[in-house]
């Protein structure tokens, strides 16, 4: 899917432009990828792995929730209940 554009300096001398793009981490909303506004609170991080022409192939790098969604999940004044269990593996 096409999700946006990123800038890179042109190839000059021994510095190749495609090598400068590899390893970059892109951050975008899941709603932008899926065209679904219900998922706008999830931020997806993608890492550029490979360059094919003018296209970058990415790999999943991580996911975060937006700050307003985190604050909505953790309400002020709530108590925390901890549970402990002995588990044998």
C-alpha atoms as a PDB file:
ATOM      1  CA  UNK A   1       0.000   0.000   0.000  1.00  0.00           C
ATOM      2  CA  UNK A   2       1.060   3.532  -0.555  1.00  0.00           C
ATOM      3  CA  UNK A   3       1.163   5.490   2.690  1.00  0.00           C
ATOM      4  CA  UNK A   4       3.252   8.581   2.023  1.00  0.00           C
ATOM      5  CA  UNK A   5       6.521  10.049   0.840  1.00  0.00           C
ATOM      6  CA  UNK A   6       9.886  10.531   2.502  1.00  0.00           C
ATOM      7  CA  UNK A   7      12.773  12.789   1.563  1.00  0.00           C
ATOM      8  CA  UNK A   8      16.315  11.657   0.839  1.00  0.00           C
ATOM      9  CA  UNK A   9      19.425  13.398  -0.508  1.00  0.00           C
ATOM     10  CA  UNK A  10      20.394  12.552  -4.058  1.00  0.00           C
ATOM     11  CA  UNK A  11      23.095  10.057  -4.873  1.00  0.00           C
ATOM     12  CA  UNK A  12      26.465  11.805  -5.021  1.00  0.00           C
ATOM     13  CA  UNK A  13      29.902  10.249  -5.118  1.00  0.00           C
ATOM     14  CA  UNK A  14      30.023   7.133  -2.983  1.00  0.00           C
ATOM     15  CA  UNK A  15      26.833   7.922  -1.047  1.00  0.00           C
ATOM     16  CA  UNK A  16      23.888   6.045  -2.538  1.00  0.00           C
ATOM     17  CA  UNK A  17      20.413   7.453  -1.861  1.00  0.00           C
ATOM     18  CA  UNK A  18      18.790   4.042  -1.402  1.00  0.00           C
ATOM     19  CA  UNK A  19      21.284   3.130   1.321  1.00  0.00           C
ATOM     20  CA  UNK A  20      20.348   6.286   3.245  1.00  0.00           C
ATOM     21  CA  UNK A  21      16.708   5.170   3.310  1.00  0.00           C
ATOM     22  CA  UNK A  22      17.368   1.662   4.657  1.00  0.00           C
ATOM     23  CA  UNK A  23      16.809   1.419   8.396  1.00  0.00           C
ATOM     24  CA  UNK A  24      14.566   4.502   8.631  1.00  0.00           C
ATOM     25  CA  UNK A  25      11.550   4.139  10.883  1.00  0.00           C
ATOM     26  CA  UNK A  26       8.246   5.567   9.667  1.00  0.00           C
ATOM     27  CA  UNK A  27       5.389   6.315  12.056  1.00  0.00           C
ATOM     28  CA  UNK A  28       1.798   6.559  10.836  1.00  0.00           C
ATOM     29  CA  UNK A  29      -1.758   5.951  11.950  1.00  0.00           C
ATOM     30  CA  UNK A  30      -3.359   2.581  11.309  1.00  0.00           C
ATOM     31  CA  UNK A  31      -6.421   4.495  10.098  1.00  0.00           C
ATOM     32  CA  UNK A  32      -4.349   5.936   7.234  1.00  0.00           C
ATOM     33  CA  UNK A  33      -3.257   2.454   6.155  1.00  0.00           C
ATOM     34  CA  UNK A  34      -6.680   0.797   6.347  1.00  0.00           C
ATOM     35  CA  UNK A  35      -8.921   3.796   5.509  1.00  0.00           C
ATOM     36  CA  UNK A  36     -10.792   3.105   8.766  1.00  0.00           C
ATOM     37  CA  UNK A  37     -11.239   6.045  11.154  1.00  0.00           C
ATOM     38  CA  UNK A  38     -12.078   3.716  14.082  1.00  0.00           C
ATOM     39  CA  UNK A  39      -8.410   2.703  14.336  1.00  0.00           C
ATOM     40  CA  UNK A  40      -6.972   6.216  14.462  1.00  0.00           C
ATOM     41  CA  UNK A  41      -5.648   5.811  18.037  1.00  0.00           C
ATOM     42  CA  UNK A  42      -3.076   3.165  17.008  1.00  0.00           C
ATOM     43  CA  UNK A  43       0.314   4.423  15.809  1.00  0.00           C
ATOM     44  CA  UNK A  44       2.228   1.906  13.712  1.00  0.00           C
ATOM     45  CA  UNK A  45       5.993   2.034  13.216  1.00  0.00           C
ATOM     46  CA  UNK A  46       7.413   0.567  10.015  1.00  0.00           C
ATOM     47  CA  UNK A  47      11.116   0.093   9.259  1.00  0.00           C
ATOM     48  CA  UNK A  48      12.359   0.403   5.663  1.00  0.00           C
ATOM     49  CA  UNK A  49      14.070  -2.863   4.723  1.00  0.00           C
ATOM     50  CA  UNK A  50      14.483  -2.725   0.945  1.00  0.00           C
ATOM     51  CA  UNK A  51      14.255  -0.267  -1.948  1.00  0.00           C
ATOM     52  CA  UNK A  52      12.715  -1.219  -5.316  1.00  0.00           C
ATOM     53  CA  UNK A  53      12.865   1.678  -7.760  1.00  0.00           C
ATOM     54  CA  UNK A  54      10.871   4.498  -6.157  1.00  0.00           C
ATOM     55  CA  UNK A  55       9.131   2.166  -3.675  1.00  0.00           C
ATOM     56  CA  UNK A  56      10.253   1.268  -0.155  1.00  0.00           C
ATOM     57  CA  UNK A  57       9.451  -2.157   1.274  1.00  0.00           C
ATOM     58  CA  UNK A  58       8.812  -1.972   5.000  1.00  0.00           C
ATOM     59  CA  UNK A  59       8.622  -4.351   7.923  1.00  0.00           C
ATOM     60  CA  UNK A  60       6.634  -3.998  11.165  1.00  0.00           C
ATOM     61  CA  UNK A  61       8.713  -2.251  13.840  1.00  0.00           C
ATOM     62  CA  UNK A  62       6.245  -1.513  16.631  1.00  0.00           C
ATOM     63  CA  UNK A  63       2.880  -0.172  17.739  1.00  0.00           C
ATOM     64  CA  UNK A  64       1.844   2.474  20.274  1.00  0.00           C
ATOM     65  CA  UNK A  65      -1.396   4.012  21.431  1.00  0.00           C
ATOM     66  CA  UNK A  66      -1.931   7.742  21.166  1.00  0.00           C
ATOM     67  CA  UNK A  67      -1.657   9.748  24.371  1.00  0.00           C
ATOM     68  CA  UNK A  68      -5.357  10.629  24.503  1.00  0.00           C
ATOM     69  CA  UNK A  69      -6.326   6.940  24.190  1.00  0.00           C
ATOM     70  CA  UNK A  70      -3.895   5.971  26.975  1.00  0.00           C
ATOM     71  CA  UNK A  71      -5.342   8.651  29.231  1.00  0.00           C
ATOM     72  CA  UNK A  72      -8.861   7.430  28.485  1.00  0.00           C
ATOM     73  CA  UNK A  73      -7.931   3.864  29.452  1.00  0.00           C
ATOM     74  CA  UNK A  74      -6.249   4.889  32.714  1.00  0.00           C
ATOM     75  CA  UNK A  75      -8.737   6.954  34.663  1.00  0.00           C
ATOM     76  CA  UNK A  76      -7.827   9.149  37.588  1.00  0.00           C
ATOM     77  CA  UNK A  77      -8.844   7.832  40.990  1.00  0.00           C
ATOM     78  CA  UNK A  78      -9.117   4.149  40.063  1.00  0.00           C
ATOM     79  CA  UNK A  79      -7.466   1.550  42.264  1.00  0.00           C
ATOM     80  CA  UNK A  80      -5.091  -1.117  41.044  1.00  0.00           C
ATOM     81  CA  UNK A  81      -5.786  -4.735  41.983  1.00  0.00           C
ATOM     82  CA  UNK A  82      -2.734  -6.945  41.806  1.00  0.00           C
ATOM     83  CA  UNK A  83      -2.874 -10.708  41.438  1.00  0.00           C
ATOM     84  CA  UNK A  84      -0.086 -13.218  42.037  1.00  0.00           C
ATOM     85  CA  UNK A  85      -0.006 -16.810  40.834  1.00  0.00           C
ATOM     86  CA  UNK A  86       2.573 -19.581  41.126  1.00  0.00           C
ATOM     87  CA  UNK A  87       3.180 -21.114  37.716  1.00  0.00           C
ATOM     88  CA  UNK A  88       5.237 -24.198  36.893  1.00  0.00           C
ATOM     89  CA  UNK A  89       6.742 -24.547  33.440  1.00  0.00           C
END
